[in-house]
Each structure stands twice: as C-alpha cells, then as structure tokens.
Amino acid sequence: MKGKVDDLTHTYDHLRSCPPSLGVGRPRRVRGGSGVATLGRIRVGSWNIGTLTGKRIELVDTFLKSNVDIGRVQETRWKGEGAVDIKDYRLWYSGSRIARNGVGIFLGNLHKDNVVDVGRFSDRIMYVSLIIKEETFTVISAYAPHAGGDLNGHIGAEAEGYEGAHGGFGFGPRNEEGRSILEFAIAHELVVANSFFRKRDAQLATFHSGGRRTQIDFFLLRKGELRTCRDCKNLHGAKAETFRATLTDRLSVEGDNVAPTDVDQIWNRMASTIREVAK
C-alpha cells in the first residue's frame, strides 16, 4: 500500500468487520447513579501491517470506511515513541531505536481526546486508557514473537478431540503449536472460526513456499459470536462476469479523471473502486 502524507514528519492489512445487522458489537450496558446507561457500539480493529511507512493514509481511510473506533496495529517499524494526528484519528505508537517491530493504537474522533493514560513498555506492547461514558477502558496492542508466541501453528484438517473449538474443516496435519492454539481456545471458550466453513484446500492454505502449503493465522472469537460469521463464496458464472465488467468500466472512468503522473492518487482510487464494486 502507498499513501501520501502532508505536514507529518513521522510515518504508518487484514481488517475484519461484520455488518451491524448481524448484531456484532452489542452495546455495553453500564450501571450509573440513575439507572442503566449504554455505551453504544464500539468497533475495534487489529492489523499486522508490515510497516506503517507509506501506508498510514490508506489505513486510516480503511478504518473510516469500516467505522472503526479503535484500531490496533503491529509491526509498524517506526523508531521511538510519540503521537500524531492523521485525518480523523490520533495514533499513539511505541517503537525501538531501530526500524523493527513496533506497535500502535489509533483512536477516532469520538475517543481521541478522552485518553487518561498511555503506557509504552517496549516495541512489542503498549496500552492506552480512555474514558467512555464515565467508564475507564484499557486498550492493549501487542506484537508477539514469531517463535512460540503467535498463532502460526497448524490446527489440522479434523477436530479430533477439539470439537469445542475446531469446526472440522481445517488443512493438513496438526503440530504442537496447533494443539496449543486449540487448547487456548477451549480454555477461553473461543472457537477457530476459520475451521467452521468447508473450503477447498487451495482456499484454506494461507502460506506458500518452495512447493509447500500450510494454513497459518486464525480468527478466534467467542463461541456465542460464531453465528455472526458468514461464509464467503467465490463468484461464478454471471455474477463473476458482472463483477468483472463493472470493475473494468469503473476503473476506466476513474483513470480518465486522474493525472497519469500521480501514482499515489491512481493507487488510492483503484483500491477504493475495487472495494466498492466488491461490496
């Protein structure tokens, strides 16, 4: 991703969002002096972005379109620590002396001025505490080490004793790290949402290298929220042709309105058009 930045001296990809009709992010109710108040819907996103440099404008645009109130980012690769405003968001970030690792937390307009505390422990973990309707919330952004700390295990093709967390539609053999993921899910009453939808092997594999394919990186959520996930199908036949023709026409029109030398504008408009047509 590329993004153009104006008047900023410091710089910034898998955002999941469910439609409101599915009931995700039900309003939290808080007891107050005169009864029960509601905090409303708070939408939180988390994104391992590889690097924030050259991506922050597009990332914020994605947050805006998805109505994200709080965005946590990992692997920012920014040096030092600080805070910076980017359009309708303020980013607090924590890095090291060199451009590696790095974490950050974005807060939208409704919340960015309500921060009461920021804790930066390293280039792998930080938090921001803020007040929402007289309640204090702490948001943590953490970037786990690749070795033994993340969700890069293999949960296997079948549930085999982990029916409470595994839906029975995985990929390949299970390894020790995969067992740890499933045990973690069971202990916290979570499910591995990826494993509850039947897919072809080509759709399940998320990493390819040297002729080998594996499924890593999983989406864990509470058991009761599994119903909010929908199975995404590939387009076929007339639907695929409609998508292709509509996208081609839209890109052609957009191309006529953009200067051929403005690479950033071309990229941003193309990405926005693809997302809109896909919806």
C-alpha atoms as a PDB file:
ATOM      1  CA  MET A   1       0.000   0.000   0.000  1.00  0.00           C
ATOM      2  CA  LYS A   2       1.144   3.543  -0.694  1.00  0.00           C
ATOM      3  CA  GLY A   3      -0.114   6.748   0.827  1.00  0.00           C
ATOM      4  CA  LYS A   4       0.793  10.417   0.523  1.00  0.00           C
ATOM      5  CA  VAL A   5       1.407  12.299   3.767  1.00  0.00           C
ATOM      6  CA  ASP A   6       1.174  16.044   4.221  1.00  0.00           C
ATOM      7  CA  ASP A   7       2.776  18.024   7.069  1.00  0.00           C
ATOM      8  CA  LEU A   8       3.782  14.930   9.050  1.00  0.00           C
ATOM      9  CA  THR A   9       7.322  14.013   9.917  1.00  0.00           C
ATOM     10  CA  HIS A  10       6.654  10.510  11.218  1.00  0.00           C
ATOM     11  CA  THR A  11       5.186   7.634   9.324  1.00  0.00           C
ATOM     12  CA  TYR A  12       2.450   4.360   9.261  1.00  0.00           C
ATOM     13  CA  ASP A  13      -3.501  -5.321   6.269  1.00  0.00           C
ATOM     14  CA  HIS A  14      -6.398  -7.756   7.334  1.00  0.00           C
ATOM     15  CA  LEU A  15      -9.282  -5.888   8.815  1.00  0.00           C
ATOM     16  CA  ARG A  16     -12.339  -7.930   9.606  1.00  0.00           C
ATOM     17  CA  SER A  17     -15.693  -6.262  10.024  1.00  0.00           C
ATOM     18  CA  CYS A  18     -19.220  -7.684  10.351  1.00  0.00           C
ATOM     19  CA  PRO A  19     -22.330  -5.733   9.301  1.00  0.00           C
ATOM     20  CA  PRO A  20     -24.402  -4.189  12.115  1.00  0.00           C
ATOM     21  CA  SER A  21     -27.373  -6.354  11.119  1.00  0.00           C
ATOM     22  CA  LEU A  22     -25.533  -9.388  12.452  1.00  0.00           C
ATOM     23  CA  GLY A  23     -25.528  -7.985  15.965  1.00  0.00           C
ATOM     24  CA  VAL A  24     -21.755  -7.703  16.337  1.00  0.00           C
ATOM     25  CA  GLY A  25     -20.537  -5.275  18.953  1.00  0.00           C
ATOM     26  CA  ARG A  26     -23.714  -5.268  21.007  1.00  0.00           C
ATOM     27  CA  PRO A  27     -23.985  -2.111  23.136  1.00  0.00           C
ATOM     28  CA  ARG A  28     -22.387  -2.494  26.530  1.00  0.00           C
ATOM     29  CA  ARG A  29     -24.636  -1.509  29.429  1.00  0.00           C
ATOM     30  CA  VAL A  30     -23.199   0.278  32.445  1.00  0.00           C
ATOM     31  CA  ARG A  31     -24.990   0.971  35.684  1.00  0.00           C
ATOM     32  CA  GLY A  32     -24.972   4.590  36.741  1.00  0.00           C
ATOM     33  CA  GLY A  33     -26.446   6.585  39.570  1.00  0.00           C
ATOM     34  CA  SER A  34     -29.853   6.967  37.897  1.00  0.00           C
ATOM     35  CA  GLY A  35     -30.174   3.563  36.283  1.00  0.00           C
ATOM     36  CA  VAL A  36     -28.614   1.894  33.243  1.00  0.00           C
ATOM     37  CA  ALA A  37     -26.691   3.787  30.579  1.00  0.00           C
ATOM     38  CA  THR A  38     -25.466   2.421  27.271  1.00  0.00           C
ATOM     39  CA  LEU A  39     -22.004   2.856  25.823  1.00  0.00           C
ATOM     40  CA  GLY A  40     -23.244   2.270  22.312  1.00  0.00           C
ATOM     41  CA  ARG A  41     -21.435   0.251  19.678  1.00  0.00           C
ATOM     42  CA  ILE A  42     -17.630   0.337  19.710  1.00  0.00           C
ATOM     43  CA  ARG A  43     -15.886  -1.203  16.723  1.00  0.00           C
ATOM     44  CA  VAL A  44     -12.288  -2.348  17.220  1.00  0.00           C
ATOM     45  CA  GLY A  45      -9.861  -3.480  14.512  1.00  0.00           C
ATOM     46  CA  SER A  46      -6.430  -5.119  14.707  1.00  0.00           C
ATOM     47  CA  TRP A  47      -3.939  -5.182  11.861  1.00  0.00           C
ATOM     48  CA  ASN A  48      -0.405  -6.518  11.377  1.00  0.00           C
ATOM     49  CA  ILE A  49       0.636  -4.112   8.657  1.00  0.00           C
ATOM     50  CA  GLY A  50       4.304  -4.968   7.985  1.00  0.00           C
ATOM     51  CA  THR A  51       5.221  -1.267   8.122  1.00  0.00           C
ATOM     52  CA  LEU A  52       3.316   1.991   8.598  1.00  0.00           C
ATOM     53  CA  THR A  53       5.660   3.902   6.325  1.00  0.00           C
ATOM     54  CA  GLY A  54       3.750   4.912   3.196  1.00  0.00           C
ATOM     55  CA  LYS A  55       0.561   3.162   4.353  1.00  0.00           C
ATOM     56  CA  ARG A  56      -0.982   5.344   7.035  1.00  0.00           C
ATOM     57  CA  ILE A  57      -3.341   7.346   4.826  1.00  0.00           C
ATOM     58  CA  GLU A  58      -4.785   4.257   3.168  1.00  0.00           C
ATOM     59  CA  LEU A  59      -5.004   2.506   6.531  1.00  0.00           C
ATOM     60  CA  VAL A  60      -6.941   5.395   8.069  1.00  0.00           C
ATOM     61  CA  ASP A  61      -9.231   5.521   5.018  1.00  0.00           C
ATOM     62  CA  THR A  62      -9.970   1.828   5.587  1.00  0.00           C
ATOM     63  CA  PHE A  63     -10.716   2.491   9.265  1.00  0.00           C
ATOM     64  CA  LEU A  64     -13.085   5.311   8.273  1.00  0.00           C
ATOM     65  CA  LYS A  65     -14.980   3.214   5.726  1.00  0.00           C
ATOM     66  CA  SER A  66     -15.328   0.373   8.226  1.00  0.00           C
ATOM     67  CA  ASN A  67     -16.405   2.715  11.049  1.00  0.00           C
ATOM     68  CA  VAL A  68     -13.534   1.585  13.274  1.00  0.00           C
ATOM     69  CA  ASP A  69     -13.419   3.491  16.553  1.00  0.00           C
ATOM     70  CA  ILE A  70     -10.239   1.891  17.883  1.00  0.00           C
ATOM     71  CA  GLY A  71      -7.525   0.429  15.655  1.00  0.00           C
ATOM     72  CA  ARG A  72      -4.585  -1.570  16.980  1.00  0.00           C
ATOM     73  CA  VAL A  73      -1.566  -2.067  14.715  1.00  0.00           C
ATOM     74  CA  GLN A  74       1.521  -4.237  14.970  1.00  0.00           C
ATOM     75  CA  GLU A  75       4.873  -4.308  13.159  1.00  0.00           C
ATOM     76  CA  THR A  76       4.784  -0.577  12.491  1.00  0.00           C
ATOM     77  CA  ARG A  77       8.598  -0.415  12.211  1.00  0.00           C
ATOM     78  CA  TRP A  78       8.681   3.154  13.480  1.00  0.00           C
ATOM     79  CA  LYS A  79      11.514   4.433  15.622  1.00  0.00           C
ATOM     80  CA  GLY A  80      10.957   5.945  19.058  1.00  0.00           C
ATOM     81  CA  GLU A  81       7.594   6.822  20.550  1.00  0.00           C
ATOM     82  CA  GLY A  82       5.043   9.580  20.254  1.00  0.00           C
ATOM     83  CA  ALA A  83       1.589  10.575  18.999  1.00  0.00           C
ATOM     84  CA  VAL A  84       0.441  12.052  15.703  1.00  0.00           C
ATOM     85  CA  ASP A  85      -2.890  13.085  14.147  1.00  0.00           C
ATOM     86  CA  ILE A  86      -3.870  11.506  10.834  1.00  0.00           C
ATOM     87  CA  LYS A  87      -7.149  12.765   9.383  1.00  0.00           C
ATOM     88  CA  ASP A  88      -9.878  11.870  11.912  1.00  0.00           C
ATOM     89  CA  TYR A  89      -7.619   9.651  14.056  1.00  0.00           C
ATOM     90  CA  ARG A  90      -4.819  10.085  16.542  1.00  0.00           C
ATOM     91  CA  LEU A  91      -2.111   7.432  16.683  1.00  0.00           C
ATOM     92  CA  TRP A  92      -0.060   6.620  19.765  1.00  0.00           C
ATOM     93  CA  TYR A  93       2.947   4.481  18.869  1.00  0.00           C
ATOM     94  CA  SER A  94       5.844   2.716  20.558  1.00  0.00           C
ATOM     95  CA  GLY A  95       8.988   1.584  18.761  1.00  0.00           C
ATOM     96  CA  SER A  96      12.669   0.990  19.329  1.00  0.00           C
ATOM     97  CA  ARG A  97      15.892   2.744  18.290  1.00  0.00           C
ATOM     98  CA  ILE A  98      15.887   0.856  15.009  1.00  0.00           C
ATOM     99  CA  ALA A  99      13.100   0.303  12.481  1.00  0.00           C
ATOM    100  CA  ARG A 100      11.798  -3.084  13.650  1.00  0.00           C
ATOM    101  CA  ASN A 101       8.724  -4.469  15.423  1.00  0.00           C
ATOM    102  CA  GLY A 102       6.658  -1.553  16.766  1.00  0.00           C
ATOM    103  CA  VAL A 103       3.045  -1.251  17.948  1.00  0.00           C
ATOM    104  CA  GLY A 104       0.424   1.468  17.882  1.00  0.00           C
ATOM    105  CA  ILE A 105      -3.163   2.371  18.765  1.00  0.00           C
ATOM    106  CA  PHE A 106      -5.474   4.571  16.675  1.00  0.00           C
ATOM    107  CA  LEU A 107      -8.423   6.364  18.282  1.00  0.00           C
ATOM    108  CA  GLY A 108     -11.162   8.061  16.273  1.00  0.00           C
ATOM    109  CA  ASN A 109     -12.717  11.470  16.789  1.00  0.00           C
ATOM    110  CA  LEU A 110     -15.145  10.315  19.480  1.00  0.00           C
ATOM    111  CA  HIS A 111     -12.412   8.974  21.742  1.00  0.00           C
ATOM    112  CA  LYS A 112      -9.028  10.517  20.920  1.00  0.00           C
ATOM    113  CA  ASP A 113      -9.431  13.433  23.371  1.00  0.00           C
ATOM    114  CA  ASN A 114     -10.536  11.190  26.256  1.00  0.00           C
ATOM    115  CA  VAL A 115      -7.201   9.479  26.909  1.00  0.00           C
ATOM    116  CA  VAL A 116      -6.101   9.491  30.538  1.00  0.00           C
ATOM    117  CA  ASP A 117      -3.004   7.286  30.408  1.00  0.00           C
ATOM    118  CA  VAL A 118      -0.557   5.812  27.892  1.00  0.00           C
ATOM    119  CA  GLY A 119       1.881   3.044  28.756  1.00  0.00           C
ATOM    120  CA  ARG A 120       4.727   2.079  26.449  1.00  0.00           C
ATOM    121  CA  PHE A 121       6.673  -0.937  27.663  1.00  0.00           C
ATOM    122  CA  SER A 122       8.660  -1.807  24.530  1.00  0.00           C
ATOM    123  CA  ASP A 123       8.403  -2.067  20.756  1.00  0.00           C
ATOM    124  CA  ARG A 124       6.108  -5.096  21.301  1.00  0.00           C
ATOM    125  CA  ILE A 125       3.496  -3.957  23.810  1.00  0.00           C
ATOM    126  CA  MET A 126       1.730  -0.759  24.827  1.00  0.00           C
ATOM    127  CA  TYR A 127      -1.647   0.388  26.117  1.00  0.00           C
ATOM    128  CA  VAL A 128      -3.934   3.397  26.065  1.00  0.00           C
ATOM    129  CA  SER A 129      -6.523   4.036  28.800  1.00  0.00           C
ATOM    130  CA  LEU A 130      -9.507   6.217  27.962  1.00  0.00           C
ATOM    131  CA  ILE A 131     -12.821   7.300  29.425  1.00  0.00           C
ATOM    132  CA  ILE A 132     -16.024   6.261  27.660  1.00  0.00           C
ATOM    133  CA  LYS A 133     -19.284   7.300  29.340  1.00  0.00           C
ATOM    134  CA  GLU A 134     -17.599   7.600  32.757  1.00  0.00           C
ATOM    135  CA  GLU A 135     -16.060   4.132  32.419  1.00  0.00           C
ATOM    136  CA  THR A 136     -12.290   3.575  32.076  1.00  0.00           C
ATOM    137  CA  PHE A 137     -11.212   1.217  29.290  1.00  0.00           C
ATOM    138  CA  THR A 138      -7.700  -0.020  28.600  1.00  0.00           C
ATOM    139  CA  VAL A 139      -6.805  -0.966  25.024  1.00  0.00           C
ATOM    140  CA  ILE A 140      -3.675  -3.091  24.528  1.00  0.00           C
ATOM    141  CA  SER A 141      -1.688  -3.551  21.332  1.00  0.00           C
ATOM    142  CA  ALA A 142       0.816  -6.422  21.426  1.00  0.00           C
ATOM    143  CA  TYR A 143       3.118  -7.971  18.842  1.00  0.00           C
ATOM    144  CA  ALA A 144       4.157 -11.487  19.848  1.00  0.00           C
ATOM    145  CA  PRO A 145       7.489 -13.044  18.792  1.00  0.00           C
ATOM    146  CA  HIS A 146       7.265 -15.382  15.796  1.00  0.00           C
ATOM    147  CA  ALA A 147       8.876 -18.267  17.696  1.00  0.00           C
ATOM    148  CA  GLY A 148       6.333 -19.848  20.027  1.00  0.00           C
ATOM    149  CA  GLY A 149       4.316 -16.691  20.614  1.00  0.00           C
ATOM    150  CA  ASP A 150       1.898 -16.189  17.740  1.00  0.00           C
ATOM    151  CA  LEU A 151      -0.896 -18.122  16.011  1.00  0.00           C
ATOM    152  CA  ASN A 152       1.271 -19.630  13.279  1.00  0.00           C
ATOM    153  CA  GLY A 153       0.519 -23.204  14.318  1.00  0.00           C
ATOM    154  CA  HIS A 154      -1.214 -25.906  12.270  1.00  0.00           C
ATOM    155  CA  ILE A 155      -4.556 -26.925  13.787  1.00  0.00           C
ATOM    156  CA  GLY A 156      -5.030 -29.814  11.349  1.00  0.00           C
ATOM    157  CA  ALA A 157      -7.769 -30.911   8.969  1.00  0.00           C
ATOM    158  CA  GLU A 158     -10.075 -32.539  11.552  1.00  0.00           C
ATOM    159  CA  ALA A 159     -11.292 -31.731  15.058  1.00  0.00           C
ATOM    160  CA  GLU A 160     -10.004 -34.979  16.678  1.00  0.00           C
ATOM    161  CA  GLY A 161     -10.765 -34.246  20.315  1.00  0.00           C
ATOM    162  CA  TYR A 162     -11.047 -30.484  19.978  1.00  0.00           C
ATOM    163  CA  GLU A 163     -14.674 -30.357  18.817  1.00  0.00           C
ATOM    164  CA  GLY A 164     -15.401 -27.467  21.136  1.00  0.00           C
ATOM    165  CA  ALA A 165     -13.031 -25.166  19.276  1.00  0.00           C
ATOM    166  CA  HIS A 166     -12.364 -26.837  15.894  1.00  0.00           C
ATOM    167  CA  GLY A 167     -15.155 -26.949  13.320  1.00  0.00           C
ATOM    168  CA  GLY A 168     -13.739 -29.957  11.459  1.00  0.00           C
ATOM    169  CA  PHE A 169     -12.736 -28.168   8.248  1.00  0.00           C
ATOM    170  CA  GLY A 170      -9.031 -27.417   8.555  1.00  0.00           C
ATOM    171  CA  PHE A 171      -5.967 -28.112   6.449  1.00  0.00           C
ATOM    172  CA  GLY A 172      -3.084 -30.563   6.697  1.00  0.00           C
ATOM    173  CA  PRO A 173      -1.647 -32.255   9.802  1.00  0.00           C
ATOM    174  CA  ARG A 174      -1.700 -30.769  13.296  1.00  0.00           C
ATOM    175  CA  ASN A 175       1.502 -29.812  15.106  1.00  0.00           C
ATOM    176  CA  GLU A 176       2.317 -28.935  18.708  1.00  0.00           C
ATOM    177  CA  GLU A 177       1.759 -25.221  18.142  1.00  0.00           C
ATOM    178  CA  GLY A 178      -1.639 -26.034  16.642  1.00  0.00           C
ATOM    179  CA  ARG A 179      -2.589 -28.028  19.723  1.00  0.00           C
ATOM    180  CA  SER A 180      -1.596 -25.045  21.858  1.00  0.00           C
ATOM    181  CA  ILE A 181      -3.907 -22.809  19.824  1.00  0.00           C
ATOM    182  CA  LEU A 182      -6.841 -25.195  20.255  1.00  0.00           C
ATOM    183  CA  GLU A 183      -6.197 -25.646  23.975  1.00  0.00           C
ATOM    184  CA  PHE A 184      -6.011 -21.884  24.388  1.00  0.00           C
ATOM    185  CA  ALA A 185      -9.324 -21.524  22.528  1.00  0.00           C
ATOM    186  CA  ILE A 186     -11.050 -24.155  24.690  1.00  0.00           C
ATOM    187  CA  ALA A 187      -9.716 -22.632  27.915  1.00  0.00           C
ATOM    188  CA  HIS A 188     -11.155 -19.243  26.995  1.00  0.00           C
ATOM    189  CA  GLU A 189     -14.396 -20.507  25.393  1.00  0.00           C
ATOM    190  CA  LEU A 190     -13.313 -19.448  21.921  1.00  0.00           C
ATOM    191  CA  VAL A 191     -13.650 -21.081  18.524  1.00  0.00           C
ATOM    192  CA  VAL A 192     -11.357 -21.057  15.496  1.00  0.00           C
ATOM    193  CA  ALA A 193     -13.830 -19.503  13.067  1.00  0.00           C
ATOM    194  CA  ASN A 194     -11.744 -20.457  10.004  1.00  0.00           C
ATOM    195  CA  SER A 195     -12.410 -24.141  10.676  1.00  0.00           C
ATOM    196  CA  PHE A 196     -16.229 -23.997  10.591  1.00  0.00           C
ATOM    197  CA  PHE A 197     -16.628 -23.499   6.847  1.00  0.00           C
ATOM    198  CA  ARG A 198     -15.955 -26.146   4.222  1.00  0.00           C
ATOM    199  CA  LYS A 199     -13.385 -24.875   1.697  1.00  0.00           C
ATOM    200  CA  ARG A 200     -11.139 -26.307  -0.979  1.00  0.00           C
ATOM    201  CA  ASP A 201      -7.527 -26.856   0.051  1.00  0.00           C
ATOM    202  CA  ALA A 202      -6.427 -24.063  -2.284  1.00  0.00           C
ATOM    203  CA  GLN A 203      -8.648 -21.662  -0.331  1.00  0.00           C
ATOM    204  CA  LEU A 204      -7.520 -22.879   3.079  1.00  0.00           C
ATOM    205  CA  ALA A 205      -3.761 -22.601   2.540  1.00  0.00           C
ATOM    206  CA  THR A 206      -2.544 -19.164   3.634  1.00  0.00           C
ATOM    207  CA  PHE A 207       1.222 -19.638   3.157  1.00  0.00           C
ATOM    208  CA  HIS A 208       3.056 -20.989   0.111  1.00  0.00           C
ATOM    209  CA  SER A 209       6.814 -21.511  -0.150  1.00  0.00           C
ATOM    210  CA  GLY A 210       9.015 -23.904  -2.103  1.00  0.00           C
ATOM    211  CA  GLY A 211       6.100 -26.018  -3.238  1.00  0.00           C
ATOM    212  CA  ARG A 212       4.807 -26.414   0.331  1.00  0.00           C
ATOM    213  CA  ARG A 213       1.448 -25.132   1.538  1.00  0.00           C
ATOM    214  CA  THR A 214       0.278 -24.528   5.097  1.00  0.00           C
ATOM    215  CA  GLN A 215      -2.610 -22.881   6.884  1.00  0.00           C
ATOM    216  CA  ILE A 216      -1.463 -20.363   9.481  1.00  0.00           C
ATOM    217  CA  ASP A 217      -3.077 -17.338  11.124  1.00  0.00           C
ATOM    218  CA  PHE A 218      -6.512 -17.938  12.579  1.00  0.00           C
ATOM    219  CA  PHE A 219      -9.525 -15.890  13.578  1.00  0.00           C
ATOM    220  CA  LEU A 220     -10.617 -16.717  17.133  1.00  0.00           C
ATOM    221  CA  LEU A 221     -13.847 -15.417  18.621  1.00  0.00           C
ATOM    222  CA  ARG A 222     -16.314 -16.243  21.367  1.00  0.00           C
ATOM    223  CA  LYS A 223     -18.499 -19.292  20.802  1.00  0.00           C
ATOM    224  CA  GLY A 224     -21.651 -17.235  21.016  1.00  0.00           C
ATOM    225  CA  GLU A 225     -20.458 -14.940  18.231  1.00  0.00           C
ATOM    226  CA  LEU A 226     -19.820 -17.689  15.670  1.00  0.00           C
ATOM    227  CA  ARG A 227     -23.264 -17.107  14.229  1.00  0.00           C
ATOM    228  CA  THR A 228     -22.160 -13.629  13.165  1.00  0.00           C
ATOM    229  CA  CYS A 229     -19.619 -15.047  10.707  1.00  0.00           C
ATOM    230  CA  ARG A 230     -20.674 -15.627   7.129  1.00  0.00           C
ATOM    231  CA  ASP A 231     -19.183 -17.980   4.590  1.00  0.00           C
ATOM    232  CA  CYS A 232     -17.681 -16.060   1.677  1.00  0.00           C
ATOM    233  CA  LYS A 233     -18.195 -17.750  -1.683  1.00  0.00           C
ATOM    234  CA  ASN A 234     -16.228 -17.267  -4.880  1.00  0.00           C
ATOM    235  CA  LEU A 235     -18.143 -15.671  -7.729  1.00  0.00           C
ATOM    236  CA  HIS A 236     -19.033 -17.883 -10.683  1.00  0.00           C
ATOM    237  CA  GLY A 237     -20.845 -17.541 -13.989  1.00  0.00           C
ATOM    238  CA  ALA A 238     -22.975 -14.443 -14.491  1.00  0.00           C
ATOM    239  CA  LYS A 239     -22.021 -12.940 -11.123  1.00  0.00           C
ATOM    240  CA  ALA A 240     -18.317 -13.193 -11.910  1.00  0.00           C
ATOM    241  CA  GLU A 241     -18.864 -11.609 -15.332  1.00  0.00           C
ATOM    242  CA  THR A 242     -20.945  -8.804 -13.812  1.00  0.00           C
ATOM    243  CA  PHE A 243     -18.203  -8.077 -11.283  1.00  0.00           C
ATOM    244  CA  ARG A 244     -15.517  -8.113 -13.985  1.00  0.00           C
ATOM    245  CA  ALA A 245     -17.448  -5.830 -16.365  1.00  0.00           C
ATOM    246  CA  THR A 246     -18.482  -3.368 -13.627  1.00  0.00           C
ATOM    247  CA  LEU A 247     -14.956  -3.125 -12.268  1.00  0.00           C
ATOM    248  CA  THR A 248     -13.465  -2.610 -15.733  1.00  0.00           C
ATOM    249  CA  ASP A 249     -15.935   0.193 -16.511  1.00  0.00           C
ATOM    250  CA  ARG A 250     -15.392   1.913 -13.165  1.00  0.00           C
ATOM    251  CA  LEU A 251     -11.598   1.742 -13.433  1.00  0.00           C
ATOM    252  CA  SER A 252     -11.765   3.153 -16.941  1.00  0.00           C
ATOM    253  CA  VAL A 253     -13.787   6.151 -15.746  1.00  0.00           C
ATOM    254  CA  GLU A 254     -11.548   6.686 -12.721  1.00  0.00           C
ATOM    255  CA  GLY A 255      -8.450   6.553 -14.929  1.00  0.00           C
ATOM    256  CA  ASP A 256      -9.749   9.411 -17.071  1.00  0.00           C
ATOM    257  CA  ASN A 257     -10.026  11.653 -14.002  1.00  0.00           C
ATOM    258  CA  VAL A 258      -6.541  11.079 -12.582  1.00  0.00           C
ATOM    259  CA  ALA A 259      -3.287  12.629 -13.760  1.00  0.00           C
ATOM    260  CA  PRO A 260      -1.058   9.832 -15.170  1.00  0.00           C
ATOM    261  CA  THR A 261       1.914  11.012 -13.093  1.00  0.00           C
ATOM    262  CA  ASP A 262       0.109  10.972  -9.722  1.00  0.00           C
ATOM    263  CA  VAL A 263       0.905   7.409  -8.652  1.00  0.00           C
ATOM    264  CA  ASP A 264      -0.488   7.786  -5.134  1.00  0.00           C
ATOM    265  CA  GLN A 265      -3.837   9.067  -6.385  1.00  0.00           C
ATOM    266  CA  ILE A 266      -4.072   6.328  -9.013  1.00  0.00           C
ATOM    267  CA  TRP A 267      -3.383   3.640  -6.419  1.00  0.00           C
ATOM    268  CA  ASN A 268      -5.820   5.005  -3.824  1.00  0.00           C
ATOM    269  CA  ARG A 269      -8.666   5.427  -6.320  1.00  0.00           C
ATOM    270  CA  MET A 270      -8.105   1.977  -7.789  1.00  0.00           C
ATOM    271  CA  ALA A 271      -8.103   0.343  -4.334  1.00  0.00           C
ATOM    272  CA  SER A 272     -11.245   2.251  -3.324  1.00  0.00           C
ATOM    273  CA  THR A 273     -13.042   1.310  -6.554  1.00  0.00           C
ATOM    274  CA  ILE A 274     -12.215  -2.391  -6.170  1.00  0.00           C
ATOM    275  CA  ARG A 275     -13.584  -2.407  -2.609  1.00  0.00           C
ATOM    276  CA  GLU A 276     -16.786  -0.587  -3.587  1.00  0.00           C
ATOM    277  CA  VAL A 277     -17.509  -2.892  -6.545  1.00  0.00           C
ATOM    278  CA  ALA A 278     -16.786  -5.952  -4.393  1.00  0.00           C
ATOM    279  CA  LYS A 279     -19.356  -4.804  -1.826  1.00  0.00           C
END
